[in-house]
């Protein structure tokens, strides 16, 4: 009678193991497909990050150039004011009118540079914010790939050993990988900094 019980128990364990292996096969196929999609999207995010960073650097350089022009215009304005003060009443009315005309032109130029600098600064800061937002998504896809890779490896070990504990662990890790991948696709703000630093 105990031989029959052992045979039945063996058949039940084998059936359970084959069901687990079938489920593992499905999870591996789904995980590998999802990871491939995440890799494609992560590549696109990386390209967008590079573009945003390059544009931000160019925009900050343009901002600095405007600042240099502003400084030159302010220096010229100061020189003209000094020249006007030194000439005082000895200058001809035509010379004073010319100096006043140049003073007005430099005042206008300074105002224009100030306005342009503010707009350029905002554009550069927006580009930096875009880069930071994309960097979070890049980190999410990186975390997704790491978790999915670990889960796929542990799924393989659990299929070979038939250990349910490994199977449960790999399922939880798989779920984390899918969560981070979905967060990257839909733009959820899930970003554990310690993991990003660990993987960075």
N, C-alpha and C. Protein backbone atom coordinates (compact mmCIF):
# COMPACT_ATOMS: atom_id res chain seq x y z
N UNK A 1 0.82 -1.19 0.00
CA UNK A 1 0.00 0.00 0.00
C UNK A 1 0.87 1.26 0.00
N UNK A 2 2.02 1.21 0.69
CA UNK A 2 2.89 2.38 0.74
C UNK A 2 3.54 2.63 -0.61
N UNK A 3 3.75 1.54 -1.43
CA UNK A 3 4.29 1.74 -2.77
C UNK A 3 3.32 2.54 -3.63
N UNK A 4 2.05 2.27 -3.48
CA UNK A 4 1.02 3.00 -4.26
C UNK A 4 1.01 4.47 -3.83
N UNK A 5 1.12 4.71 -2.52
CA UNK A 5 1.13 6.09 -2.01
C UNK A 5 2.34 6.84 -2.53
N UNK A 6 3.49 6.18 -2.55
CA UNK A 6 4.68 6.83 -3.07
C UNK A 6 4.56 7.13 -4.56
N UNK A 7 3.98 6.21 -5.29
CA UNK A 7 3.77 6.41 -6.73
C UNK A 7 2.84 7.58 -6.97
N UNK A 8 1.74 7.64 -6.19
CA UNK A 8 0.77 8.74 -6.34
C UNK A 8 1.44 10.06 -5.98
N UNK A 9 2.18 10.08 -4.85
CA UNK A 9 2.87 11.31 -4.44
C UNK A 9 3.88 11.75 -5.50
N UNK A 10 4.62 10.81 -6.07
CA UNK A 10 5.58 11.13 -7.12
C UNK A 10 4.90 11.71 -8.34
N UNK A 11 3.75 11.11 -8.72
CA UNK A 11 3.00 11.61 -9.88
C UNK A 11 2.48 13.01 -9.62
N UNK A 12 2.00 13.26 -8.37
CA UNK A 12 1.49 14.58 -8.03
C UNK A 12 2.61 15.61 -8.06
N UNK A 13 3.78 15.25 -7.49
CA UNK A 13 4.92 16.17 -7.50
C UNK A 13 5.40 16.47 -8.91
N UNK A 14 5.42 15.41 -9.74
CA UNK A 14 5.87 15.61 -11.13
C UNK A 14 4.89 16.48 -11.89
N UNK A 15 3.60 16.28 -11.66
CA UNK A 15 2.58 17.10 -12.32
C UNK A 15 2.71 18.55 -11.87
N UNK A 16 2.93 18.73 -10.54
CA UNK A 16 3.10 20.08 -10.02
C UNK A 16 4.34 20.74 -10.61
N UNK A 17 5.41 19.97 -10.72
CA UNK A 17 6.66 20.50 -11.26
C UNK A 17 6.49 20.87 -12.73
N UNK A 18 5.78 20.06 -13.49
CA UNK A 18 5.59 20.37 -14.90
C UNK A 18 4.68 21.58 -15.07
N UNK A 19 3.69 21.75 -14.19
CA UNK A 19 2.84 22.95 -14.24
C UNK A 19 3.70 24.18 -13.93
N UNK A 20 4.56 24.04 -12.92
CA UNK A 20 5.44 25.15 -12.56
C UNK A 20 6.38 25.47 -13.72
N UNK A 21 6.92 24.43 -14.36
CA UNK A 21 7.82 24.65 -15.49
C UNK A 21 7.10 25.30 -16.66
N UNK A 22 5.85 24.90 -16.88
CA UNK A 22 5.06 25.53 -17.95
C UNK A 22 4.85 27.01 -17.65
N UNK A 23 4.52 27.30 -16.39
CA UNK A 23 4.32 28.69 -15.99
C UNK A 23 5.63 29.47 -16.11
N UNK A 24 6.73 28.84 -15.72
CA UNK A 24 8.04 29.49 -15.85
C UNK A 24 8.34 29.78 -17.31
N UNK A 25 8.03 28.85 -18.19
CA UNK A 25 8.25 29.06 -19.62
C UNK A 25 7.49 30.28 -20.14
N UNK A 26 6.23 30.41 -19.70
CA UNK A 26 5.43 31.56 -20.11
C UNK A 26 6.04 32.85 -19.55
N UNK A 27 6.43 32.82 -18.27
CA UNK A 27 7.00 34.01 -17.63
C UNK A 27 8.31 34.42 -18.33
N UNK A 28 9.13 33.45 -18.68
CA UNK A 28 10.39 33.75 -19.36
C UNK A 28 10.12 34.38 -20.73
N UNK A 29 9.16 33.84 -21.46
CA UNK A 29 8.84 34.40 -22.78
C UNK A 29 8.29 35.82 -22.65
N UNK A 30 7.37 36.03 -21.71
CA UNK A 30 6.79 37.36 -21.50
C UNK A 30 7.87 38.33 -21.03
N UNK A 31 8.70 37.86 -20.07
CA UNK A 31 9.76 38.73 -19.54
C UNK A 31 10.76 39.13 -20.59
N UNK A 32 11.18 38.18 -21.42
CA UNK A 32 12.16 38.48 -22.47
C UNK A 32 11.58 39.45 -23.49
N UNK A 33 10.31 39.28 -23.84
CA UNK A 33 9.66 40.18 -24.79
C UNK A 33 9.54 41.58 -24.20
N UNK A 34 9.08 41.65 -22.96
CA UNK A 34 8.94 42.95 -22.30
C UNK A 34 10.29 43.65 -22.15
N UNK A 35 11.32 42.87 -21.83
CA UNK A 35 12.67 43.44 -21.68
C UNK A 35 13.16 43.98 -23.03
N UNK A 36 12.86 43.29 -24.11
CA UNK A 36 13.27 43.77 -25.44
C UNK A 36 12.58 45.10 -25.76
N UNK A 37 11.29 45.20 -25.45
CA UNK A 37 10.57 46.45 -25.68
C UNK A 37 11.14 47.59 -24.82
N UNK A 38 11.46 47.26 -23.57
CA UNK A 38 12.05 48.27 -22.68
C UNK A 38 13.40 48.72 -23.21
N UNK A 39 14.19 47.81 -23.76
CA UNK A 39 15.50 48.17 -24.31
C UNK A 39 15.37 49.12 -25.49
N UNK A 40 14.38 48.87 -26.35
CA UNK A 40 14.16 49.76 -27.50
C UNK A 40 13.77 51.15 -27.00
N UNK A 41 12.82 51.20 -26.06
CA UNK A 41 12.38 52.49 -25.53
C UNK A 41 13.51 53.18 -24.78
N UNK A 42 14.31 52.42 -24.03
CA UNK A 42 15.43 52.99 -23.30
C UNK A 42 16.46 53.60 -24.26
N UNK A 43 16.67 52.96 -25.40
CA UNK A 43 17.57 53.53 -26.41
C UNK A 43 17.06 54.86 -26.93
N UNK A 44 15.75 54.94 -27.16
CA UNK A 44 15.14 56.19 -27.62
C UNK A 44 15.25 57.28 -26.55
N UNK A 45 15.04 56.89 -25.29
CA UNK A 45 15.16 57.84 -24.19
C UNK A 45 16.61 58.34 -24.09
N UNK A 46 17.56 57.42 -24.26
CA UNK A 46 18.98 57.81 -24.22
C UNK A 46 19.33 58.82 -25.31
N UNK A 47 18.77 58.62 -26.50
CA UNK A 47 19.01 59.57 -27.59
C UNK A 47 18.40 60.93 -27.27
N UNK A 48 17.18 60.92 -26.72
CA UNK A 48 16.53 62.18 -26.35
C UNK A 48 17.31 62.89 -25.25
N UNK A 49 17.88 62.12 -24.32
CA UNK A 49 18.71 62.72 -23.26
C UNK A 49 19.93 63.39 -23.86
N UNK A 50 20.58 62.72 -24.79
CA UNK A 50 21.78 63.28 -25.42
C UNK A 50 21.44 64.57 -26.17
N UNK A 51 20.30 64.58 -26.86
CA UNK A 51 19.89 65.79 -27.58
C UNK A 51 19.59 66.92 -26.62
N UNK A 52 18.87 66.62 -25.53
CA UNK A 52 18.53 67.65 -24.55
C UNK A 52 19.79 68.22 -23.90
N UNK A 53 20.73 67.34 -23.60
CA UNK A 53 21.97 67.79 -22.97
C UNK A 53 22.78 68.66 -23.93
N UNK A 54 22.88 68.24 -25.18
CA UNK A 54 23.63 69.03 -26.18
C UNK A 54 22.97 70.40 -26.38
N UNK A 55 21.65 70.41 -26.47
CA UNK A 55 20.95 71.69 -26.66
C UNK A 55 21.11 72.58 -25.43
N UNK A 56 21.08 71.97 -24.24
CA UNK A 56 21.26 72.76 -23.02
C UNK A 56 22.65 73.39 -22.98
N UNK A 57 23.67 72.62 -23.36
CA UNK A 57 25.03 73.15 -23.38
C UNK A 57 25.13 74.30 -24.39
N UNK A 58 24.56 74.11 -25.57
CA UNK A 58 24.58 75.18 -26.59
C UNK A 58 23.82 76.41 -26.11
N UNK A 59 22.70 76.19 -25.45
CA UNK A 59 21.89 77.31 -24.99
C UNK A 59 22.60 78.09 -23.89
N UNK A 60 23.26 77.35 -22.97
CA UNK A 60 24.03 78.05 -21.93
C UNK A 60 25.20 78.81 -22.55
N UNK A 61 25.82 78.29 -23.60
CA UNK A 61 26.90 79.01 -24.28
C UNK A 61 26.36 80.30 -24.92
N UNK A 62 25.17 80.18 -25.51
CA UNK A 62 24.52 81.36 -26.10
C UNK A 62 24.20 82.38 -25.02
N UNK A 63 23.74 81.89 -23.87
CA UNK A 63 23.45 82.77 -22.73
C UNK A 63 24.72 83.51 -22.29
N UNK A 64 25.84 82.79 -22.23
CA UNK A 64 27.11 83.43 -21.85
C UNK A 64 27.53 84.47 -22.88
N UNK A 65 27.31 84.16 -24.16
CA UNK A 65 27.66 85.13 -25.21
C UNK A 65 26.83 86.40 -25.07
N UNK A 66 25.54 86.23 -24.77
CA UNK A 66 24.69 87.41 -24.55
C UNK A 66 25.17 88.18 -23.33
N UNK A 67 25.61 87.46 -22.30
CA UNK A 67 26.14 88.13 -21.11
C UNK A 67 27.38 88.94 -21.42
N UNK A 68 28.24 88.39 -22.28
CA UNK A 68 29.45 89.11 -22.69
C UNK A 68 29.08 90.38 -23.46
N UNK A 69 28.12 90.24 -24.38
CA UNK A 69 27.67 91.43 -25.13
C UNK A 69 27.05 92.46 -24.20
N UNK A 70 26.30 91.99 -23.21
CA UNK A 70 25.69 92.90 -22.24
C UNK A 70 26.78 93.64 -21.46
N UNK A 71 27.79 92.93 -21.03
CA UNK A 71 28.89 93.56 -20.28
C UNK A 71 29.61 94.61 -21.13
N UNK A 72 29.83 94.28 -22.40
CA UNK A 72 30.47 95.25 -23.29
C UNK A 72 29.61 96.49 -23.49
N UNK A 73 28.31 96.29 -23.65
CA UNK A 73 27.40 97.43 -23.83
C UNK A 73 27.37 98.28 -22.56
N UNK A 74 27.37 97.64 -21.39
CA UNK A 74 27.39 98.40 -20.14
C UNK A 74 28.70 99.18 -19.99
N UNK A 75 29.81 98.57 -20.39
CA UNK A 75 31.10 99.27 -20.32
C UNK A 75 31.11 100.48 -21.25
N UNK A 76 30.57 100.30 -22.46
CA UNK A 76 30.52 101.42 -23.40
C UNK A 76 29.61 102.53 -22.88
N UNK A 77 28.51 102.15 -22.25
CA UNK A 77 27.59 103.13 -21.68
C UNK A 77 28.30 103.93 -20.58
N UNK A 78 29.04 103.23 -19.74
CA UNK A 78 29.79 103.91 -18.69
C UNK A 78 30.84 104.86 -19.28
N UNK A 79 31.54 104.41 -20.33
CA UNK A 79 32.55 105.26 -20.97
C UNK A 79 31.92 106.51 -21.57
N UNK A 80 30.78 106.34 -22.22
CA UNK A 80 30.11 107.49 -22.82
C UNK A 80 29.62 108.47 -21.75
N UNK A 81 29.11 107.95 -20.65
CA UNK A 81 28.68 108.84 -19.55
C UNK A 81 29.87 109.60 -18.99
N UNK A 82 30.99 108.91 -18.83
CA UNK A 82 32.20 109.55 -18.33
C UNK A 82 32.69 110.61 -19.33
N UNK A 83 32.67 110.25 -20.61
CA UNK A 83 33.11 111.19 -21.64
C UNK A 83 32.23 112.44 -21.63
N UNK A 84 30.92 112.24 -21.49
CA UNK A 84 30.00 113.37 -21.47
C UNK A 84 30.26 114.24 -20.25
N UNK A 85 30.51 113.59 -19.10
CA UNK A 85 30.78 114.35 -17.88
C UNK A 85 32.09 115.13 -17.98
N UNK A 86 33.11 114.52 -18.60
CA UNK A 86 34.40 115.19 -18.74
C UNK A 86 34.33 116.36 -19.72
N UNK A 87 33.59 116.18 -20.79
CA UNK A 87 33.48 117.25 -21.77
C UNK A 87 32.67 118.42 -21.22
N UNK A 88 31.64 118.04 -20.47
CA UNK A 88 30.81 119.08 -19.83
C UNK A 88 30.35 120.13 -20.79
N UNK A 89 30.63 121.38 -20.43
CA UNK A 89 30.16 122.52 -21.22
C UNK A 89 31.10 122.86 -22.37
N UNK A 90 32.24 122.19 -22.43
CA UNK A 90 33.21 122.53 -23.49
C UNK A 90 32.85 121.89 -24.83
N UNK A 91 32.01 120.86 -24.80
CA UNK A 91 31.65 120.17 -26.04
C UNK A 91 30.61 120.97 -26.82
N UNK A 92 30.64 120.78 -28.11
CA UNK A 92 29.65 121.44 -28.96
C UNK A 92 28.30 120.76 -28.78
N UNK A 93 27.23 121.46 -29.05
CA UNK A 93 25.90 120.84 -28.93
C UNK A 93 25.75 119.61 -29.84
N UNK A 94 26.39 119.64 -31.00
CA UNK A 94 26.32 118.49 -31.91
C UNK A 94 27.01 117.27 -31.29
N UNK A 95 28.17 117.49 -30.64
CA UNK A 95 28.91 116.39 -30.01
C UNK A 95 28.10 115.82 -28.85
N UNK A 96 27.50 116.70 -28.06
CA UNK A 96 26.66 116.23 -26.94
C UNK A 96 25.44 115.47 -27.45
N UNK A 97 24.86 115.94 -28.54
CA UNK A 97 23.69 115.25 -29.12
C UNK A 97 24.09 113.86 -29.61
N UNK A 98 25.28 113.77 -30.22
CA UNK A 98 25.78 112.47 -30.69
C UNK A 98 26.02 111.52 -29.51
N UNK A 99 26.60 112.06 -28.44
CA UNK A 99 26.82 111.22 -27.26
C UNK A 99 25.48 110.78 -26.67
N UNK A 100 24.51 111.68 -26.60
CA UNK A 100 23.18 111.32 -26.07
C UNK A 100 22.51 110.25 -26.94
N UNK A 101 22.71 110.38 -28.25
CA UNK A 101 22.15 109.38 -29.16
C UNK A 101 22.77 108.01 -28.91
N UNK A 102 24.09 107.98 -28.74
CA UNK A 102 24.78 106.71 -28.47
C UNK A 102 24.38 106.16 -27.09
N UNK A 103 24.20 107.05 -26.11
CA UNK A 103 23.76 106.61 -24.78
C UNK A 103 22.39 105.93 -24.87
N UNK A 104 21.49 106.53 -25.63
CA UNK A 104 20.15 105.95 -25.78
C UNK A 104 20.22 104.60 -26.50
N UNK A 105 21.11 104.51 -27.51
CA UNK A 105 21.26 103.25 -28.25
C UNK A 105 21.80 102.15 -27.34
N UNK A 106 22.79 102.48 -26.52
CA UNK A 106 23.34 101.47 -25.61
C UNK A 106 22.35 101.09 -24.51
N UNK A 107 21.56 102.08 -24.04
CA UNK A 107 20.51 101.77 -23.06
C UNK A 107 19.52 100.76 -23.64
N UNK A 108 19.13 101.01 -24.89
CA UNK A 108 18.19 100.11 -25.56
C UNK A 108 18.81 98.72 -25.75
N UNK A 109 20.09 98.70 -26.14
CA UNK A 109 20.80 97.44 -26.35
C UNK A 109 20.89 96.65 -25.04
N UNK A 110 21.20 97.33 -23.95
CA UNK A 110 21.30 96.67 -22.65
C UNK A 110 19.95 96.07 -22.25
N UNK A 111 18.89 96.82 -22.46
CA UNK A 111 17.55 96.32 -22.14
C UNK A 111 17.23 95.08 -22.98
N UNK A 112 17.59 95.15 -24.26
CA UNK A 112 17.33 94.00 -25.16
C UNK A 112 18.13 92.77 -24.71
N UNK A 113 19.40 92.96 -24.38
CA UNK A 113 20.22 91.83 -23.94
C UNK A 113 19.69 91.24 -22.64
N UNK A 114 19.24 92.10 -21.72
CA UNK A 114 18.66 91.60 -20.47
C UNK A 114 17.44 90.72 -20.74
N UNK A 115 16.58 91.20 -21.63
CA UNK A 115 15.36 90.44 -21.98
C UNK A 115 15.72 89.13 -22.66
N UNK A 116 16.64 89.18 -23.62
CA UNK A 116 17.04 87.98 -24.34
C UNK A 116 17.71 86.97 -23.40
N UNK A 117 18.55 87.47 -22.48
CA UNK A 117 19.22 86.58 -21.53
C UNK A 117 18.20 85.83 -20.67
N UNK A 118 17.17 86.54 -20.23
CA UNK A 118 16.14 85.90 -19.39
C UNK A 118 15.44 84.78 -20.16
N UNK A 119 15.12 85.03 -21.43
CA UNK A 119 14.45 84.01 -22.25
C UNK A 119 15.38 82.83 -22.51
N UNK A 120 16.65 83.12 -22.78
CA UNK A 120 17.62 82.05 -23.05
C UNK A 120 17.85 81.21 -21.80
N UNK A 121 17.92 81.88 -20.65
CA UNK A 121 18.11 81.16 -19.38
C UNK A 121 16.95 80.22 -19.13
N UNK A 122 15.72 80.70 -19.37
CA UNK A 122 14.55 79.84 -19.17
C UNK A 122 14.59 78.64 -20.10
N UNK A 123 14.98 78.87 -21.35
CA UNK A 123 15.08 77.76 -22.31
C UNK A 123 16.11 76.74 -21.86
N UNK A 124 17.27 77.21 -21.39
CA UNK A 124 18.32 76.30 -20.93
C UNK A 124 17.86 75.50 -19.71
N UNK A 125 17.18 76.18 -18.79
CA UNK A 125 16.67 75.49 -17.59
C UNK A 125 15.60 74.48 -17.96
N UNK A 126 14.76 74.80 -18.94
CA UNK A 126 13.74 73.84 -19.41
C UNK A 126 14.41 72.61 -20.02
N UNK A 127 15.47 72.82 -20.78
CA UNK A 127 16.20 71.70 -21.37
C UNK A 127 16.84 70.83 -20.29
N UNK A 128 17.37 71.45 -19.26
CA UNK A 128 17.94 70.69 -18.15
C UNK A 128 16.86 69.90 -17.42
N UNK A 129 15.68 70.49 -17.26
CA UNK A 129 14.56 69.79 -16.62
C UNK A 129 14.12 68.60 -17.48
N UNK A 130 14.12 68.80 -18.79
CA UNK A 130 13.79 67.70 -19.70
C UNK A 130 14.80 66.57 -19.56
N UNK A 131 16.07 66.92 -19.50
CA UNK A 131 17.12 65.91 -19.32
C UNK A 131 16.92 65.15 -18.01
N UNK A 132 16.64 65.88 -16.93
CA UNK A 132 16.43 65.22 -15.62
C UNK A 132 15.22 64.30 -15.65
N UNK A 133 14.15 64.74 -16.31
CA UNK A 133 12.94 63.90 -16.41
C UNK A 133 13.23 62.65 -17.22
N UNK A 134 13.96 62.80 -18.31
CA UNK A 134 14.32 61.65 -19.13
C UNK A 134 15.29 60.72 -18.40
N UNK A 135 16.15 61.29 -17.57
CA UNK A 135 17.10 60.49 -16.81
C UNK A 135 16.38 59.57 -15.84
N UNK A 136 15.29 60.06 -15.25
CA UNK A 136 14.48 59.21 -14.35
C UNK A 136 13.93 58.03 -15.15
N UNK A 137 13.42 58.29 -16.33
CA UNK A 137 12.88 57.20 -17.17
C UNK A 137 13.97 56.24 -17.58
N UNK A 138 15.15 56.77 -17.91
CA UNK A 138 16.29 55.91 -18.26
C UNK A 138 16.65 55.00 -17.09
N UNK A 139 16.68 55.57 -15.90
CA UNK A 139 16.95 54.76 -14.70
C UNK A 139 15.89 53.69 -14.50
N UNK A 140 14.63 54.04 -14.75
CA UNK A 140 13.55 53.06 -14.60
C UNK A 140 13.73 51.89 -15.56
N UNK A 141 14.08 52.18 -16.80
CA UNK A 141 14.30 51.10 -17.76
C UNK A 141 15.53 50.26 -17.38
N UNK A 142 16.56 50.92 -16.87
CA UNK A 142 17.75 50.18 -16.41
C UNK A 142 17.40 49.24 -15.26
N UNK A 143 16.60 49.75 -14.31
CA UNK A 143 16.18 48.92 -13.17
C UNK A 143 15.30 47.78 -13.64
N UNK A 144 14.43 48.07 -14.58
CA UNK A 144 13.56 47.03 -15.13
C UNK A 144 14.39 45.92 -15.74
N UNK A 145 15.39 46.30 -16.54
CA UNK A 145 16.24 45.29 -17.17
C UNK A 145 17.00 44.47 -16.12
N UNK A 146 17.49 45.15 -15.08
CA UNK A 146 18.23 44.43 -14.04
C UNK A 146 17.33 43.43 -13.32
N UNK A 147 16.15 43.88 -12.90
CA UNK A 147 15.23 42.98 -12.19
C UNK A 147 14.77 41.84 -13.08
N UNK A 148 14.44 42.14 -14.34
CA UNK A 148 13.98 41.08 -15.24
C UNK A 148 15.09 40.08 -15.53
N UNK A 149 16.32 40.55 -15.69
CA UNK A 149 17.44 39.63 -15.93
C UNK A 149 17.64 38.69 -14.74
N UNK A 150 17.59 39.26 -13.54
CA UNK A 150 17.73 38.43 -12.34
C UNK A 150 16.60 37.42 -12.26
N UNK A 151 15.36 37.89 -12.51
CA UNK A 151 14.21 36.97 -12.40
C UNK A 151 14.30 35.85 -13.42
N UNK A 152 14.74 36.15 -14.64
CA UNK A 152 14.84 35.12 -15.66
C UNK A 152 15.89 34.08 -15.29
N UNK A 153 16.99 34.54 -14.72
CA UNK A 153 18.03 33.60 -14.28
C UNK A 153 17.52 32.71 -13.15
N UNK A 154 16.82 33.32 -12.20
CA UNK A 154 16.31 32.54 -11.05
C UNK A 154 15.17 31.63 -11.50
N UNK A 155 14.37 32.06 -12.48
CA UNK A 155 13.33 31.18 -13.04
C UNK A 155 13.99 29.91 -13.59
N UNK A 156 15.11 30.09 -14.31
CA UNK A 156 15.81 28.92 -14.85
C UNK A 156 16.27 27.98 -13.76
N UNK A 157 16.82 28.54 -12.68
CA UNK A 157 17.29 27.70 -11.57
C UNK A 157 16.11 27.01 -10.89
N UNK A 158 15.00 27.74 -10.73
CA UNK A 158 13.84 27.13 -10.07
C UNK A 158 13.23 26.03 -10.94
N UNK A 159 13.31 26.18 -12.28
CA UNK A 159 12.81 25.12 -13.16
C UNK A 159 13.69 23.88 -13.05
N UNK A 160 14.99 24.09 -12.93
CA UNK A 160 15.91 22.95 -12.82
C UNK A 160 15.80 22.24 -11.47
N UNK A 161 15.66 23.02 -10.41
CA UNK A 161 15.65 22.43 -9.07
C UNK A 161 14.26 22.09 -8.58
N UNK A 162 13.24 22.73 -9.16
CA UNK A 162 11.86 22.50 -8.71
C UNK A 162 11.56 23.14 -7.37
N UNK A 163 12.38 24.06 -6.93
CA UNK A 163 12.19 24.72 -5.62
C UNK A 163 11.17 25.84 -5.76
N UNK A 164 10.12 25.72 -4.99
CA UNK A 164 9.04 26.72 -5.04
C UNK A 164 9.48 28.05 -4.44
N UNK A 165 10.38 28.00 -3.44
CA UNK A 165 10.86 29.24 -2.83
C UNK A 165 11.58 30.11 -3.86
N UNK A 166 12.40 29.48 -4.70
CA UNK A 166 13.08 30.22 -5.76
C UNK A 166 12.08 30.75 -6.79
N UNK A 167 11.06 29.92 -7.05
CA UNK A 167 10.03 30.34 -7.99
C UNK A 167 9.29 31.58 -7.47
N UNK A 168 8.93 31.59 -6.20
CA UNK A 168 8.23 32.74 -5.60
C UNK A 168 9.14 33.97 -5.63
N UNK A 169 10.42 33.79 -5.25
CA UNK A 169 11.37 34.89 -5.27
C UNK A 169 11.49 35.48 -6.68
N UNK A 170 11.64 34.61 -7.68
CA UNK A 170 11.80 35.10 -9.04
C UNK A 170 10.54 35.79 -9.54
N UNK A 171 9.38 35.33 -9.08
CA UNK A 171 8.12 35.97 -9.47
C UNK A 171 8.02 37.38 -8.89
N UNK A 172 8.45 37.55 -7.63
CA UNK A 172 8.43 38.88 -7.01
C UNK A 172 9.41 39.81 -7.73
N UNK A 173 10.61 39.32 -8.03
CA UNK A 173 11.61 40.13 -8.73
C UNK A 173 11.10 40.47 -10.14
N UNK A 174 10.44 39.50 -10.77
CA UNK A 174 9.85 39.72 -12.09
C UNK A 174 8.82 40.85 -12.02
N UNK A 175 7.98 40.81 -10.97
CA UNK A 175 6.97 41.87 -10.79
C UNK A 175 7.61 43.25 -10.64
N UNK A 176 8.73 43.32 -9.91
CA UNK A 176 9.45 44.60 -9.76
C UNK A 176 9.96 45.08 -11.11
N UNK A 177 10.49 44.15 -11.90
CA UNK A 177 10.98 44.52 -13.23
C UNK A 177 9.89 45.06 -14.12
N UNK A 178 8.74 44.41 -14.09
CA UNK A 178 7.60 44.88 -14.89
C UNK A 178 7.12 46.23 -14.39
N UNK A 179 7.08 46.40 -13.07
CA UNK A 179 6.64 47.68 -12.49
C UNK A 179 7.53 48.83 -12.96
N UNK A 180 8.85 48.66 -12.88
CA UNK A 180 9.75 49.72 -13.32
C UNK A 180 9.65 49.95 -14.82
N UNK A 181 9.47 48.88 -15.60
CA UNK A 181 9.31 49.05 -17.04
C UNK A 181 8.06 49.82 -17.39
N UNK A 182 6.95 49.46 -16.75
CA UNK A 182 5.70 50.18 -16.99
C UNK A 182 5.81 51.64 -16.54
N UNK A 183 6.49 51.86 -15.41
CA UNK A 183 6.69 53.23 -14.93
C UNK A 183 7.46 54.05 -15.97
N UNK A 184 8.45 53.41 -16.61
CA UNK A 184 9.20 54.10 -17.65
C UNK A 184 8.36 54.42 -18.87
N UNK A 185 7.47 53.49 -19.23
CA UNK A 185 6.63 53.71 -20.42
C UNK A 185 5.59 54.80 -20.18
N UNK A 186 4.94 54.79 -19.02
CA UNK A 186 3.84 55.73 -18.79
C UNK A 186 4.26 56.97 -18.01
N UNK A 187 5.52 57.03 -17.58
CA UNK A 187 6.01 58.23 -16.91
C UNK A 187 5.64 58.35 -15.45
N UNK A 188 5.47 57.22 -14.75
CA UNK A 188 5.20 57.28 -13.32
C UNK A 188 6.45 57.71 -12.57
N UNK A 189 6.25 58.41 -11.48
CA UNK A 189 7.40 58.91 -10.72
C UNK A 189 7.81 57.90 -9.65
N UNK A 190 8.28 56.74 -10.09
CA UNK A 190 8.80 55.72 -9.19
C UNK A 190 10.30 55.67 -9.43
N UNK A 191 11.06 56.12 -8.45
CA UNK A 191 12.51 56.23 -8.66
C UNK A 191 13.25 56.10 -7.34
N UNK A 192 13.50 54.87 -6.89
CA UNK A 192 14.29 54.73 -5.67
C UNK A 192 15.75 55.14 -5.94
N UNK A 193 16.14 56.22 -5.30
CA UNK A 193 17.47 56.78 -5.56
C UNK A 193 18.60 55.81 -5.23
N UNK A 194 18.42 55.02 -4.17
CA UNK A 194 19.51 54.12 -3.79
C UNK A 194 19.78 53.08 -4.87
N UNK A 195 18.71 52.63 -5.55
CA UNK A 195 18.90 51.66 -6.64
C UNK A 195 19.55 52.33 -7.85
N UNK A 196 19.13 53.58 -8.12
CA UNK A 196 19.70 54.30 -9.26
C UNK A 196 21.20 54.51 -9.04
N UNK A 197 21.58 54.85 -7.81
CA UNK A 197 23.00 55.07 -7.51
C UNK A 197 23.76 53.75 -7.59
N UNK A 198 23.12 52.67 -7.12
CA UNK A 198 23.75 51.36 -7.16
C UNK A 198 23.98 50.90 -8.59
N UNK A 199 22.98 51.14 -9.45
CA UNK A 199 23.08 50.70 -10.84
C UNK A 199 23.84 51.72 -11.70
N UNK A 200 23.98 52.96 -11.21
CA UNK A 200 24.64 54.01 -11.99
C UNK A 200 26.08 53.86 -11.86
